[in-house]
Amino acid sequence: MKRSLTGRNAAQWTTGEAEWVITTDNSGGIGLKELDQVQAPYAAVAYYSFRTAVMDGLSAGAIPKMVLLHNFCGNEAWEDLYEGIMKGIHEMGLSGVEVSGSTESNQTMLQSAISITVMGERFRHFKLNEELDWSLEGEPLEGIDVLMFPDKIVSLARAAEIAKDPKTAVLWPVGSKGIAFEWERLHKQYGWPQSTLPFRQNPSKSAGPATCFITGRRK
């Protein structure tokens, strides 16, 4: 297994003729426990964590085939967490995606915590090119704003559509450290010289669960 060049937080490996990509996301202190910093339904917690892992997979040209849920919220939360993952799967119009995982049931955690790992099959390779038209899809949101302004978040179906577009050369999710951080990281990973950020949005505002992403399209 090795790191994927055209992918944010993605690892890849090959078995026979298939190329696989694995991505993961963690969530802590968000849920329905008394000491959680953000109160949110578990279905929403799982959906947005799944979304982040899927976005990282799409950045490497991969579509989900299997999902592993690591649940530290208790047995009673499993069904809602599963529901959130299935919402994301259905949003993408996918079928046959297996969902499995494990629950920590021996110890009771004071705060909610989950981890979601997505195994995806690569459907395309992005052809890198510095001469691109750059755009930002969606808006950076975090915390309760993610639940309050879902219309400002690009759907997973739309993200997959952009990833499949032959003109798309880069799809790069923005996470909690903001647009400027990911812009610099993108250039560093691709081996490109740093350039001026072409977006007007607040460069340091957190985008939480990949509520927006950078797209580079061939001219």
N, C-alpha and C. Protein backbone atom coordinates (compact mmCIF):
# COMPACT_ATOMS: atom_id res chain seq x y z
N MET A 1 0.84 -1.19 0.00
CA MET A 1 0.00 0.00 0.00
C MET A 1 0.88 1.24 0.00
N LYS A 2 0.49 2.24 -0.78
CA LYS A 2 1.26 3.48 -0.84
C LYS A 2 0.32 4.67 -0.95
N ARG A 3 0.85 5.83 -0.66
CA ARG A 3 0.05 7.04 -0.73
C ARG A 3 -0.32 7.35 -2.17
N SER A 4 -1.54 7.81 -2.38
CA SER A 4 -1.99 8.17 -3.71
C SER A 4 -1.59 9.61 -4.01
N LEU A 5 -0.93 9.84 -5.13
CA LEU A 5 -0.50 11.18 -5.50
C LEU A 5 -1.71 12.08 -5.75
N THR A 6 -2.63 11.62 -6.58
CA THR A 6 -3.81 12.42 -6.88
C THR A 6 -4.93 12.08 -5.91
N GLY A 7 -4.71 12.40 -4.66
CA GLY A 7 -5.72 12.12 -3.65
C GLY A 7 -5.33 12.72 -2.32
N ARG A 8 -6.28 13.35 -1.65
CA ARG A 8 -6.04 13.93 -0.33
C ARG A 8 -6.29 12.85 0.73
N ASN A 9 -5.29 12.58 1.56
CA ASN A 9 -5.40 11.59 2.64
C ASN A 9 -5.83 10.22 2.13
N ALA A 10 -5.33 9.84 0.96
CA ALA A 10 -5.73 8.57 0.36
C ALA A 10 -4.53 7.66 0.17
N ALA A 11 -4.75 6.37 0.45
CA ALA A 11 -3.73 5.35 0.18
C ALA A 11 -4.27 4.44 -0.90
N GLN A 12 -3.39 3.81 -1.67
CA GLN A 12 -3.83 2.98 -2.78
C GLN A 12 -3.05 1.67 -2.84
N TRP A 13 -3.68 0.68 -3.43
CA TRP A 13 -2.99 -0.58 -3.71
C TRP A 13 -3.67 -1.26 -4.88
N THR A 14 -2.98 -2.21 -5.50
CA THR A 14 -3.48 -2.89 -6.69
C THR A 14 -3.59 -4.38 -6.43
N THR A 15 -4.73 -4.97 -6.84
CA THR A 15 -4.91 -6.42 -6.77
C THR A 15 -5.40 -6.86 -8.14
N GLY A 16 -4.56 -7.58 -8.87
CA GLY A 16 -4.94 -7.99 -10.21
C GLY A 16 -5.10 -6.78 -11.11
N GLU A 17 -6.27 -6.65 -11.72
CA GLU A 17 -6.54 -5.52 -12.59
C GLU A 17 -7.22 -4.37 -11.87
N ALA A 18 -7.61 -4.57 -10.63
CA ALA A 18 -8.33 -3.53 -9.88
C ALA A 18 -7.37 -2.67 -9.07
N GLU A 19 -7.67 -1.38 -9.01
CA GLU A 19 -6.94 -0.45 -8.17
C GLU A 19 -7.87 0.01 -7.06
N TRP A 20 -7.38 -0.05 -5.83
CA TRP A 20 -8.21 0.27 -4.67
C TRP A 20 -7.65 1.49 -3.93
N VAL A 21 -8.57 2.24 -3.34
CA VAL A 21 -8.19 3.43 -2.58
C VAL A 21 -8.87 3.35 -1.21
N ILE A 22 -8.13 3.62 -0.16
CA ILE A 22 -8.69 3.59 1.19
C ILE A 22 -8.55 4.97 1.83
N THR A 23 -9.64 5.44 2.44
CA THR A 23 -9.67 6.75 3.11
C THR A 23 -10.41 6.60 4.43
N THR A 24 -10.23 7.56 5.32
CA THR A 24 -10.88 7.46 6.62
C THR A 24 -11.14 8.83 7.21
N ASP A 25 -12.09 8.90 8.14
CA ASP A 25 -12.38 10.14 8.84
C ASP A 25 -12.81 9.84 10.26
N ASN A 26 -12.45 10.73 11.19
CA ASN A 26 -12.80 10.59 12.59
C ASN A 26 -13.70 11.73 13.05
N SER A 27 -14.55 11.46 14.03
CA SER A 27 -15.40 12.48 14.62
C SER A 27 -15.44 12.27 16.13
N GLY A 28 -15.18 13.34 16.89
CA GLY A 28 -15.18 13.24 18.35
C GLY A 28 -15.84 14.44 19.00
N GLY A 29 -16.60 14.21 20.06
CA GLY A 29 -17.25 15.30 20.77
C GLY A 29 -18.44 15.88 20.04
N ILE A 30 -18.95 15.13 19.07
CA ILE A 30 -20.14 15.56 18.32
C ILE A 30 -21.16 14.44 18.39
N GLY A 31 -22.33 14.71 18.95
CA GLY A 31 -23.34 13.66 19.10
C GLY A 31 -24.38 14.04 20.12
N LEU A 32 -24.87 13.05 20.86
CA LEU A 32 -25.99 13.26 21.78
C LEU A 32 -25.62 13.05 23.25
N LYS A 33 -24.34 12.88 23.53
CA LYS A 33 -23.94 12.72 24.93
C LYS A 33 -23.85 14.09 25.60
N GLU A 34 -24.05 14.11 26.89
CA GLU A 34 -24.12 15.36 27.64
C GLU A 34 -22.87 16.22 27.49
N LEU A 35 -21.71 15.59 27.43
CA LEU A 35 -20.46 16.34 27.37
C LEU A 35 -19.99 16.63 25.94
N ASP A 36 -20.78 16.26 24.94
CA ASP A 36 -20.39 16.56 23.56
C ASP A 36 -20.36 18.07 23.34
N GLN A 37 -19.39 18.55 22.60
CA GLN A 37 -19.25 19.97 22.35
C GLN A 37 -20.26 20.48 21.34
N VAL A 38 -20.67 19.62 20.43
CA VAL A 38 -21.72 19.95 19.46
C VAL A 38 -22.80 18.88 19.56
N GLN A 39 -24.04 19.31 19.82
CA GLN A 39 -25.15 18.38 19.89
C GLN A 39 -25.69 18.14 18.48
N ALA A 40 -25.71 16.90 18.06
CA ALA A 40 -26.16 16.57 16.71
C ALA A 40 -26.67 15.13 16.68
N PRO A 41 -27.67 14.85 15.85
CA PRO A 41 -28.16 13.47 15.70
C PRO A 41 -27.06 12.57 15.16
N TYR A 42 -27.05 11.33 15.61
CA TYR A 42 -25.99 10.42 15.19
C TYR A 42 -26.04 10.12 13.69
N ALA A 43 -27.23 10.15 13.11
CA ALA A 43 -27.32 9.94 11.66
C ALA A 43 -26.56 11.04 10.92
N ALA A 44 -26.66 12.27 11.41
CA ALA A 44 -25.94 13.39 10.78
C ALA A 44 -24.44 13.26 11.02
N VAL A 45 -24.05 12.84 12.22
CA VAL A 45 -22.63 12.65 12.53
C VAL A 45 -22.00 11.65 11.56
N ALA A 46 -22.66 10.53 11.37
CA ALA A 46 -22.12 9.49 10.47
C ALA A 46 -22.14 9.95 9.03
N TYR A 47 -23.21 10.62 8.63
CA TYR A 47 -23.30 11.08 7.24
C TYR A 47 -22.14 11.99 6.88
N TYR A 48 -21.83 12.95 7.74
CA TYR A 48 -20.79 13.92 7.40
C TYR A 48 -19.39 13.32 7.53
N SER A 49 -19.22 12.36 8.42
CA SER A 49 -17.93 11.66 8.48
C SER A 49 -17.75 10.80 7.24
N PHE A 50 -18.81 10.10 6.85
CA PHE A 50 -18.78 9.31 5.61
C PHE A 50 -18.49 10.23 4.43
N ARG A 51 -19.13 11.38 4.41
CA ARG A 51 -18.93 12.34 3.32
C ARG A 51 -17.46 12.71 3.19
N THR A 52 -16.80 12.99 4.30
CA THR A 52 -15.40 13.39 4.26
C THR A 52 -14.53 12.29 3.67
N ALA A 53 -14.74 11.06 4.12
CA ALA A 53 -13.95 9.94 3.61
C ALA A 53 -14.22 9.71 2.12
N VAL A 54 -15.47 9.86 1.71
CA VAL A 54 -15.82 9.69 0.30
C VAL A 54 -15.18 10.78 -0.55
N MET A 55 -15.20 12.02 -0.06
CA MET A 55 -14.59 13.12 -0.80
C MET A 55 -13.10 12.88 -1.01
N ASP A 56 -12.43 12.38 0.02
CA ASP A 56 -11.02 12.06 -0.12
C ASP A 56 -10.82 10.94 -1.15
N GLY A 57 -11.76 9.99 -1.19
CA GLY A 57 -11.68 8.93 -2.19
C GLY A 57 -11.90 9.47 -3.59
N LEU A 58 -12.87 10.35 -3.75
CA LEU A 58 -13.13 10.95 -5.06
C LEU A 58 -11.92 11.74 -5.55
N SER A 59 -11.19 12.34 -4.61
CA SER A 59 -10.01 13.11 -5.00
C SER A 59 -8.93 12.21 -5.61
N ALA A 60 -9.04 10.91 -5.36
CA ALA A 60 -8.13 9.94 -5.95
C ALA A 60 -8.80 9.15 -7.06
N GLY A 61 -10.03 9.58 -7.45
CA GLY A 61 -10.73 8.93 -8.54
C GLY A 61 -11.37 7.61 -8.17
N ALA A 62 -11.86 7.48 -6.90
CA ALA A 62 -12.42 6.20 -6.45
C ALA A 62 -13.85 6.34 -5.95
N ILE A 63 -14.65 5.32 -6.20
CA ILE A 63 -16.04 5.24 -5.77
C ILE A 63 -16.16 4.18 -4.66
N PRO A 64 -16.94 4.45 -3.58
CA PRO A 64 -17.04 3.51 -2.47
C PRO A 64 -17.54 2.12 -2.87
N LYS A 65 -16.91 1.12 -2.28
CA LYS A 65 -17.35 -0.26 -2.44
C LYS A 65 -17.62 -0.93 -1.09
N MET A 66 -16.94 -0.44 -0.03
CA MET A 66 -17.13 -1.01 1.31
C MET A 66 -16.88 0.07 2.35
N VAL A 67 -17.66 0.03 3.44
CA VAL A 67 -17.54 1.01 4.51
C VAL A 67 -17.40 0.28 5.84
N LEU A 68 -16.43 0.73 6.65
CA LEU A 68 -16.24 0.18 8.00
C LEU A 68 -16.53 1.28 9.01
N LEU A 69 -17.44 0.99 9.94
CA LEU A 69 -17.83 1.94 10.98
C LEU A 69 -17.24 1.51 12.32
N HIS A 70 -16.49 2.40 12.96
CA HIS A 70 -15.93 2.17 14.30
C HIS A 70 -16.71 3.06 15.26
N ASN A 71 -17.54 2.46 16.09
CA ASN A 71 -18.51 3.18 16.90
C ASN A 71 -18.12 3.17 18.38
N PHE A 72 -17.92 4.37 18.93
CA PHE A 72 -17.61 4.51 20.36
C PHE A 72 -18.73 5.24 21.09
N CYS A 73 -19.93 5.28 20.47
CA CYS A 73 -21.07 6.01 21.05
C CYS A 73 -22.01 5.10 21.83
N GLY A 74 -21.80 3.78 21.74
CA GLY A 74 -22.67 2.83 22.43
C GLY A 74 -23.55 2.07 21.45
N ASN A 75 -24.04 0.91 21.90
CA ASN A 75 -24.85 0.05 21.04
C ASN A 75 -26.09 0.76 20.50
N GLU A 76 -26.69 1.63 21.34
CA GLU A 76 -27.95 2.26 20.96
C GLU A 76 -27.79 3.24 19.80
N ALA A 77 -26.55 3.64 19.51
CA ALA A 77 -26.32 4.61 18.43
C ALA A 77 -26.11 3.94 17.08
N TRP A 78 -25.90 2.63 17.07
CA TRP A 78 -25.49 1.96 15.83
C TRP A 78 -26.47 2.19 14.68
N GLU A 79 -27.75 1.97 14.91
CA GLU A 79 -28.74 2.06 13.84
C GLU A 79 -28.78 3.45 13.22
N ASP A 80 -28.69 4.47 14.06
CA ASP A 80 -28.69 5.84 13.54
C ASP A 80 -27.43 6.14 12.75
N LEU A 81 -26.29 5.65 13.24
CA LEU A 81 -25.03 5.83 12.51
C LEU A 81 -25.10 5.13 11.16
N TYR A 82 -25.63 3.93 11.17
CA TYR A 82 -25.79 3.16 9.93
C TYR A 82 -26.71 3.91 8.96
N GLU A 83 -27.77 4.49 9.50
CA GLU A 83 -28.71 5.25 8.68
C GLU A 83 -28.01 6.42 7.98
N GLY A 84 -27.12 7.10 8.71
CA GLY A 84 -26.40 8.22 8.13
C GLY A 84 -25.49 7.80 6.99
N ILE A 85 -24.83 6.66 7.16
CA ILE A 85 -23.96 6.14 6.09
C ILE A 85 -24.80 5.77 4.86
N MET A 86 -25.93 5.12 5.09
CA MET A 86 -26.78 4.72 3.98
C MET A 86 -27.35 5.94 3.25
N LYS A 87 -27.60 7.01 3.96
CA LYS A 87 -28.07 8.24 3.32
C LYS A 87 -27.04 8.70 2.29
N GLY A 88 -25.76 8.67 2.66
CA GLY A 88 -24.71 9.08 1.75
C GLY A 88 -24.60 8.14 0.56
N ILE A 89 -24.73 6.84 0.81
CA ILE A 89 -24.65 5.85 -0.26
C ILE A 89 -25.78 6.07 -1.26
N HIS A 90 -27.01 6.26 -0.74
CA HIS A 90 -28.16 6.47 -1.62
C HIS A 90 -28.06 7.80 -2.35
N GLU A 91 -27.50 8.81 -1.71
CA GLU A 91 -27.33 10.12 -2.34
C GLU A 91 -26.47 10.00 -3.59
N MET A 92 -25.52 9.09 -3.58
CA MET A 92 -24.64 8.88 -4.72
C MET A 92 -25.25 7.94 -5.75
N GLY A 93 -26.42 7.37 -5.43
CA GLY A 93 -27.06 6.44 -6.35
C GLY A 93 -26.35 5.11 -6.43
N LEU A 94 -25.67 4.72 -5.36
CA LEU A 94 -24.89 3.49 -5.36
C LEU A 94 -25.70 2.33 -4.79
N SER A 95 -25.35 1.13 -5.20
CA SER A 95 -25.95 -0.09 -4.65
C SER A 95 -24.84 -1.13 -4.46
N GLY A 96 -25.07 -2.08 -3.59
CA GLY A 96 -24.09 -3.13 -3.38
C GLY A 96 -22.90 -2.73 -2.54
N VAL A 97 -22.97 -1.56 -1.89
CA VAL A 97 -21.87 -1.12 -1.02
C VAL A 97 -22.05 -1.79 0.35
N GLU A 98 -21.08 -2.57 0.78
CA GLU A 98 -21.17 -3.28 2.05
C GLU A 98 -20.81 -2.34 3.20
N VAL A 99 -21.55 -2.44 4.30
CA VAL A 99 -21.29 -1.66 5.51
C VAL A 99 -21.13 -2.61 6.67
N SER A 100 -20.00 -2.53 7.35
CA SER A 100 -19.73 -3.38 8.50
C SER A 100 -18.99 -2.55 9.55
N GLY A 101 -18.60 -3.18 10.64
CA GLY A 101 -17.85 -2.44 11.64
C GLY A 101 -17.96 -3.04 13.02
N SER A 102 -17.70 -2.21 14.04
CA SER A 102 -17.65 -2.71 15.42
C SER A 102 -18.04 -1.59 16.39
N THR A 103 -18.59 -2.00 17.54
CA THR A 103 -18.99 -1.05 18.58
C THR A 103 -18.21 -1.34 19.85
N GLU A 104 -17.70 -0.30 20.49
CA GLU A 104 -17.12 -0.43 21.83
C GLU A 104 -18.26 -0.51 22.83
N SER A 105 -18.51 -1.71 23.34
CA SER A 105 -19.64 -1.92 24.25
C SER A 105 -19.20 -2.28 25.66
N ASN A 106 -17.90 -2.48 25.86
CA ASN A 106 -17.41 -2.84 27.19
C ASN A 106 -17.22 -1.62 28.09
N GLN A 107 -16.94 -0.48 27.46
CA GLN A 107 -16.72 0.75 28.21
C GLN A 107 -17.69 1.82 27.72
N THR A 108 -18.16 2.64 28.65
CA THR A 108 -19.06 3.74 28.29
C THR A 108 -18.26 5.02 28.18
N MET A 109 -18.24 5.62 26.98
CA MET A 109 -17.49 6.85 26.75
C MET A 109 -18.30 8.05 27.19
N LEU A 110 -17.62 9.08 27.69
CA LEU A 110 -18.30 10.29 28.15
C LEU A 110 -18.66 11.21 26.99
N GLN A 111 -17.95 11.08 25.88
CA GLN A 111 -18.25 11.84 24.69
C GLN A 111 -18.40 10.90 23.50
N SER A 112 -19.13 11.35 22.51
CA SER A 112 -19.34 10.56 21.31
C SER A 112 -18.08 10.53 20.46
N ALA A 113 -17.84 9.40 19.80
CA ALA A 113 -16.70 9.29 18.89
C ALA A 113 -16.96 8.18 17.89
N ILE A 114 -16.65 8.45 16.64
CA ILE A 114 -16.74 7.43 15.60
C ILE A 114 -15.56 7.58 14.65
N SER A 115 -15.32 6.54 13.89
CA SER A 115 -14.36 6.59 12.79
C SER A 115 -14.98 5.80 11.63
N ILE A 116 -14.86 6.34 10.43
CA ILE A 116 -15.41 5.67 9.25
C ILE A 116 -14.30 5.51 8.22
N THR A 117 -14.12 4.28 7.76
CA THR A 117 -13.14 3.98 6.72
C THR A 117 -13.87 3.52 5.47
N VAL A 118 -13.50 4.10 4.35
CA VAL A 118 -14.14 3.78 3.08
C VAL A 118 -13.12 3.14 2.14
N MET A 119 -13.47 1.98 1.61
CA MET A 119 -12.65 1.32 0.60
C MET A 119 -13.32 1.53 -0.75
N GLY A 120 -12.61 2.16 -1.68
CA GLY A 120 -13.19 2.47 -2.97
C GLY A 120 -12.38 1.89 -4.11
N GLU A 121 -13.06 1.66 -5.24
CA GLU A 121 -12.38 1.18 -6.43
C GLU A 121 -12.14 2.37 -7.37
N ARG A 122 -10.92 2.49 -7.84
CA ARG A 122 -10.57 3.61 -8.71
C ARG A 122 -11.23 3.43 -10.09
N PHE A 123 -11.91 4.49 -10.52
CA PHE A 123 -12.57 4.45 -11.83
C PHE A 123 -11.86 5.34 -12.84
N ARG A 124 -10.93 6.19 -12.37
CA ARG A 124 -10.20 7.03 -13.30
C ARG A 124 -8.92 7.54 -12.67
N HIS A 125 -7.99 7.98 -13.53
CA HIS A 125 -6.78 8.66 -13.09
C HIS A 125 -6.88 10.12 -13.55
N PHE A 126 -6.56 11.04 -12.66
CA PHE A 126 -6.55 12.44 -13.03
C PHE A 126 -5.22 12.77 -13.71
N LYS A 127 -5.29 13.48 -14.84
CA LYS A 127 -4.09 13.90 -15.55
C LYS A 127 -3.69 15.28 -15.04
N LEU A 128 -2.55 15.34 -14.36
CA LEU A 128 -2.13 16.58 -13.71
C LEU A 128 -1.66 17.59 -14.74
N ASN A 129 -2.01 18.85 -14.48
CA ASN A 129 -1.66 19.94 -15.38
C ASN A 129 -1.78 21.24 -14.59
N GLU A 130 -0.75 22.08 -14.65
CA GLU A 130 -0.79 23.34 -13.92
C GLU A 130 -1.68 24.37 -14.60
N GLU A 131 -1.90 24.25 -15.91
CA GLU A 131 -2.70 25.22 -16.65
C GLU A 131 -4.18 24.86 -16.52
N LEU A 132 -4.77 25.24 -15.41
CA LEU A 132 -6.14 24.87 -15.12
C LEU A 132 -6.98 26.08 -14.74
N ASP A 133 -8.28 25.96 -14.94
CA ASP A 133 -9.23 26.94 -14.42
C ASP A 133 -9.68 26.44 -13.05
N TRP A 134 -9.48 27.28 -12.02
CA TRP A 134 -9.76 26.87 -10.65
C TRP A 134 -11.10 27.43 -10.17
N SER A 135 -11.82 26.63 -9.41
CA SER A 135 -13.07 27.09 -8.80
C SER A 135 -13.23 26.42 -7.44
N LEU A 136 -14.09 27.00 -6.62
CA LEU A 136 -14.40 26.44 -5.31
C LEU A 136 -15.86 26.04 -5.31
N GLU A 137 -16.12 24.76 -5.10
CA GLU A 137 -17.49 24.25 -5.06
C GLU A 137 -17.96 24.21 -3.62
N GLY A 138 -19.11 24.85 -3.33
CA GLY A 138 -19.63 24.89 -1.98
C GLY A 138 -19.02 26.00 -1.16
N GLU A 139 -19.32 26.02 0.14
CA GLU A 139 -18.82 27.04 1.05
C GLU A 139 -18.23 26.40 2.29
N PRO A 140 -17.20 27.02 2.89
CA PRO A 140 -16.63 26.47 4.13
C PRO A 140 -17.57 26.65 5.31
N LEU A 141 -17.94 25.55 5.95
CA LEU A 141 -18.82 25.57 7.12
C LEU A 141 -18.26 24.64 8.19
N GLU A 142 -18.59 24.93 9.44
CA GLU A 142 -18.18 24.05 10.53
C GLU A 142 -19.20 24.07 11.64
N GLY A 143 -19.10 23.12 12.56
CA GLY A 143 -19.97 23.08 13.73
C GLY A 143 -21.44 23.06 13.38
N ILE A 144 -22.23 23.83 14.12
CA ILE A 144 -23.67 23.83 13.95
C ILE A 144 -24.09 24.38 12.60
N ASP A 145 -23.23 25.19 11.96
CA ASP A 145 -23.56 25.74 10.64
C ASP A 145 -23.71 24.65 9.59
N VAL A 146 -23.03 23.53 9.80
CA VAL A 146 -23.15 22.40 8.87
C VAL A 146 -24.58 21.89 8.85
N LEU A 147 -25.24 21.87 10.02
CA LEU A 147 -26.62 21.40 10.11
C LEU A 147 -27.62 22.47 9.71
N MET A 148 -27.25 23.74 9.89
CA MET A 148 -28.18 24.84 9.62
C MET A 148 -28.23 25.25 8.15
N PHE A 149 -27.14 25.03 7.41
CA PHE A 149 -27.08 25.50 6.03
C PHE A 149 -26.68 24.38 5.06
N PRO A 150 -27.45 23.30 5.02
CA PRO A 150 -27.11 22.18 4.13
C PRO A 150 -27.13 22.56 2.65
N ASP A 151 -27.89 23.62 2.30
CA ASP A 151 -27.99 24.03 0.91
C ASP A 151 -26.70 24.64 0.39
N LYS A 152 -25.78 24.99 1.30
CA LYS A 152 -24.51 25.58 0.91
C LYS A 152 -23.41 24.51 0.73
N ILE A 153 -23.79 23.26 0.96
CA ILE A 153 -22.86 22.14 0.84
C ILE A 153 -23.12 21.40 -0.46
N VAL A 154 -22.08 21.15 -1.24
CA VAL A 154 -22.24 20.41 -2.49
C VAL A 154 -22.57 18.96 -2.18
N SER A 155 -23.59 18.42 -2.84
CA SER A 155 -24.00 17.04 -2.59
C SER A 155 -22.93 16.07 -3.05
N LEU A 156 -22.96 14.88 -2.48
CA LEU A 156 -22.02 13.83 -2.90
C LEU A 156 -22.27 13.43 -4.35
N ALA A 157 -23.53 13.48 -4.76
CA ALA A 157 -23.86 13.15 -6.15
C ALA A 157 -23.20 14.15 -7.10
N ARG A 158 -23.25 15.42 -6.75
CA ARG A 158 -22.62 16.45 -7.58
C ARG A 158 -21.11 16.30 -7.57
N ALA A 159 -20.54 15.98 -6.41
CA ALA A 159 -19.09 15.79 -6.32
C ALA A 159 -18.64 14.63 -7.20
N ALA A 160 -19.42 13.54 -7.19
CA ALA A 160 -19.08 12.39 -8.03
C ALA A 160 -19.20 12.75 -9.51
N GLU A 161 -20.20 13.56 -9.85
CA GLU A 161 -20.37 14.00 -11.23
C GLU A 161 -19.16 14.81 -11.70
N ILE A 162 -18.69 15.70 -10.84
CA ILE A 162 -17.51 16.51 -11.18
C ILE A 162 -16.27 15.62 -11.31
N ALA A 163 -16.16 14.63 -10.42
CA ALA A 163 -15.01 13.73 -10.47
C ALA A 163 -14.98 12.93 -11.77
N LYS A 164 -16.14 12.62 -12.32
CA LYS A 164 -16.23 11.82 -13.54
C LYS A 164 -16.06 12.66 -14.80
N ASP A 165 -16.16 13.97 -14.67
CA ASP A 165 -16.03 14.86 -15.83
C ASP A 165 -14.63 14.75 -16.41
N PRO A 166 -14.48 14.42 -17.69
CA PRO A 166 -13.14 14.28 -18.29
C PRO A 166 -12.29 15.55 -18.19
N LYS A 167 -12.93 16.71 -18.07
CA LYS A 167 -12.17 17.96 -17.98
C LYS A 167 -11.63 18.21 -16.57
N THR A 168 -12.14 17.48 -15.59
CA THR A 168 -11.66 17.66 -14.21
C THR A 168 -10.29 17.03 -14.06
N ALA A 169 -9.32 17.84 -13.66
CA ALA A 169 -7.95 17.35 -13.47
C ALA A 169 -7.59 17.29 -11.99
N VAL A 170 -8.28 18.09 -11.17
CA VAL A 170 -8.03 18.10 -9.72
C VAL A 170 -9.35 18.25 -8.99
N LEU A 171 -9.60 17.41 -8.01
CA LEU A 171 -10.70 17.57 -7.06
C LEU A 171 -10.09 17.42 -5.69
N TRP A 172 -10.08 18.51 -4.93
CA TRP A 172 -9.34 18.51 -3.66
C TRP A 172 -10.24 19.02 -2.53
N PRO A 173 -10.68 18.16 -1.61
CA PRO A 173 -11.54 18.58 -0.51
C PRO A 173 -10.85 19.56 0.43
N VAL A 174 -11.64 20.46 1.00
CA VAL A 174 -11.15 21.39 2.00
C VAL A 174 -11.64 20.92 3.37
N GLY A 175 -10.73 20.81 4.32
CA GLY A 175 -11.08 20.33 5.64
C GLY A 175 -11.08 21.41 6.70
N SER A 176 -10.82 21.02 7.92
CA SER A 176 -10.96 21.92 9.06
C SER A 176 -9.93 23.04 9.11
N LYS A 177 -8.81 22.89 8.38
CA LYS A 177 -7.77 23.91 8.43
C LYS A 177 -7.93 25.01 7.39
N GLY A 178 -8.95 24.90 6.56
CA GLY A 178 -9.27 25.99 5.66
C GLY A 178 -8.71 25.89 4.25
N ILE A 179 -9.19 26.81 3.40
CA ILE A 179 -8.87 26.79 1.98
C ILE A 179 -7.39 27.04 1.72
N ALA A 180 -6.81 28.04 2.38
CA ALA A 180 -5.41 28.39 2.13
C ALA A 180 -4.48 27.22 2.47
N PHE A 181 -4.76 26.54 3.57
CA PHE A 181 -3.94 25.40 3.97
C PHE A 181 -4.00 24.31 2.91
N GLU A 182 -5.22 24.01 2.40
CA GLU A 182 -5.36 22.94 1.41
C GLU A 182 -4.77 23.36 0.06
N TRP A 183 -4.86 24.64 -0.29
CA TRP A 183 -4.27 25.13 -1.53
C TRP A 183 -2.75 24.93 -1.52
N GLU A 184 -2.15 25.25 -0.39
CA GLU A 184 -0.70 25.06 -0.24
C GLU A 184 -0.35 23.58 -0.25
N ARG A 185 -1.15 22.79 0.43
CA ARG A 185 -0.89 21.35 0.52
C ARG A 185 -1.04 20.68 -0.85
N LEU A 186 -2.05 21.10 -1.61
CA LEU A 186 -2.27 20.57 -2.95
C LEU A 186 -1.04 20.79 -3.82
N HIS A 187 -0.55 22.02 -3.83
CA HIS A 187 0.62 22.35 -4.65
C HIS A 187 1.86 21.56 -4.22
N LYS A 188 2.02 21.43 -2.92
CA LYS A 188 3.18 20.70 -2.40
C LYS A 188 3.11 19.24 -2.80
N GLN A 189 1.94 18.62 -2.68
CA GLN A 189 1.81 17.20 -3.00
C GLN A 189 2.01 16.94 -4.48
N TYR A 190 1.51 17.86 -5.33
CA TYR A 190 1.65 17.68 -6.77
C TYR A 190 3.01 18.14 -7.29
N GLY A 191 3.81 18.77 -6.43
CA GLY A 191 5.12 19.23 -6.84
C GLY A 191 5.09 20.49 -7.68
N TRP A 192 4.05 21.30 -7.49
CA TRP A 192 3.92 22.55 -8.22
C TRP A 192 4.42 23.71 -7.37
N PRO A 193 4.95 24.79 -7.98
CA PRO A 193 5.32 25.97 -7.21
C PRO A 193 4.07 26.64 -6.65
N GLN A 194 4.19 27.21 -5.46
CA GLN A 194 3.05 27.86 -4.83
C GLN A 194 2.56 29.05 -5.67
N SER A 195 1.25 29.26 -5.68
CA SER A 195 0.66 30.36 -6.44
C SER A 195 -0.38 31.06 -5.58
N THR A 196 -0.82 32.22 -6.02
CA THR A 196 -1.78 33.03 -5.27
C THR A 196 -3.13 32.34 -5.21
N LEU A 197 -3.74 32.35 -4.06
CA LEU A 197 -5.05 31.74 -3.88
C LEU A 197 -6.07 32.46 -4.75
N PRO A 198 -6.79 31.76 -5.63
CA PRO A 198 -7.69 32.43 -6.57
C PRO A 198 -9.13 32.59 -6.08
N PHE A 199 -9.39 32.34 -4.80
CA PHE A 199 -10.75 32.38 -4.28
C PHE A 199 -10.95 33.55 -3.31
N ARG A 200 -12.17 34.07 -3.25
CA ARG A 200 -12.47 35.22 -2.41
C ARG A 200 -12.91 34.83 -1.00
N GLN A 201 -13.31 33.60 -0.80
CA GLN A 201 -13.79 33.17 0.51
C GLN A 201 -12.70 33.29 1.57
N ASN A 202 -13.12 33.38 2.83
CA ASN A 202 -12.19 33.45 3.95
C ASN A 202 -11.20 32.29 3.86
N PRO A 203 -9.92 32.55 3.64
CA PRO A 203 -8.96 31.47 3.39
C PRO A 203 -8.68 30.57 4.59
N SER A 204 -8.96 31.07 5.80
CA SER A 204 -8.63 30.29 6.99
C SER A 204 -9.85 29.66 7.66
N LYS A 205 -11.05 29.93 7.15
CA LYS A 205 -12.25 29.40 7.78
C LYS A 205 -12.35 27.89 7.59
N SER A 206 -12.69 27.19 8.64
CA SER A 206 -12.81 25.74 8.59
C SER A 206 -13.94 25.31 7.67
N ALA A 207 -13.69 24.24 6.91
CA ALA A 207 -14.74 23.65 6.07
C ALA A 207 -15.21 22.33 6.67
N GLY A 208 -14.86 22.10 7.95
CA GLY A 208 -15.36 20.94 8.68
C GLY A 208 -15.33 19.65 7.86
N PRO A 209 -16.50 19.03 7.66
CA PRO A 209 -16.55 17.74 6.95
C PRO A 209 -16.54 17.90 5.43
N ALA A 210 -15.52 18.58 4.92
CA ALA A 210 -15.36 18.75 3.47
C ALA A 210 -16.61 19.36 2.85
N THR A 211 -17.11 20.45 3.44
CA THR A 211 -18.31 21.09 2.91
C THR A 211 -18.05 21.80 1.59
N CYS A 212 -16.78 22.02 1.25
CA CYS A 212 -16.44 22.59 -0.05
C CYS A 212 -15.20 21.89 -0.57
N PHE A 213 -14.93 22.06 -1.85
CA PHE A 213 -13.73 21.46 -2.42
C PHE A 213 -13.23 22.28 -3.59
N ILE A 214 -11.92 22.18 -3.81
CA ILE A 214 -11.26 22.90 -4.89
C ILE A 214 -11.29 22.03 -6.14
N THR A 215 -11.64 22.65 -7.27
CA THR A 215 -11.68 21.94 -8.53
C THR A 215 -10.80 22.63 -9.55
N GLY A 216 -9.97 21.85 -10.23
CA GLY A 216 -9.16 22.35 -11.33
C GLY A 216 -9.59 21.68 -12.62
N ARG A 217 -10.02 22.48 -13.59
CA ARG A 217 -10.51 21.95 -14.86
C ARG A 217 -9.58 22.37 -15.99
N ARG A 218 -9.34 21.43 -16.91
CA ARG A 218 -8.51 21.75 -18.05
C ARG A 218 -9.17 22.80 -18.93
N LYS A 219 -8.38 23.74 -19.41
CA LYS A 219 -8.91 24.84 -20.24
C LYS A 219 -9.23 24.34 -21.64
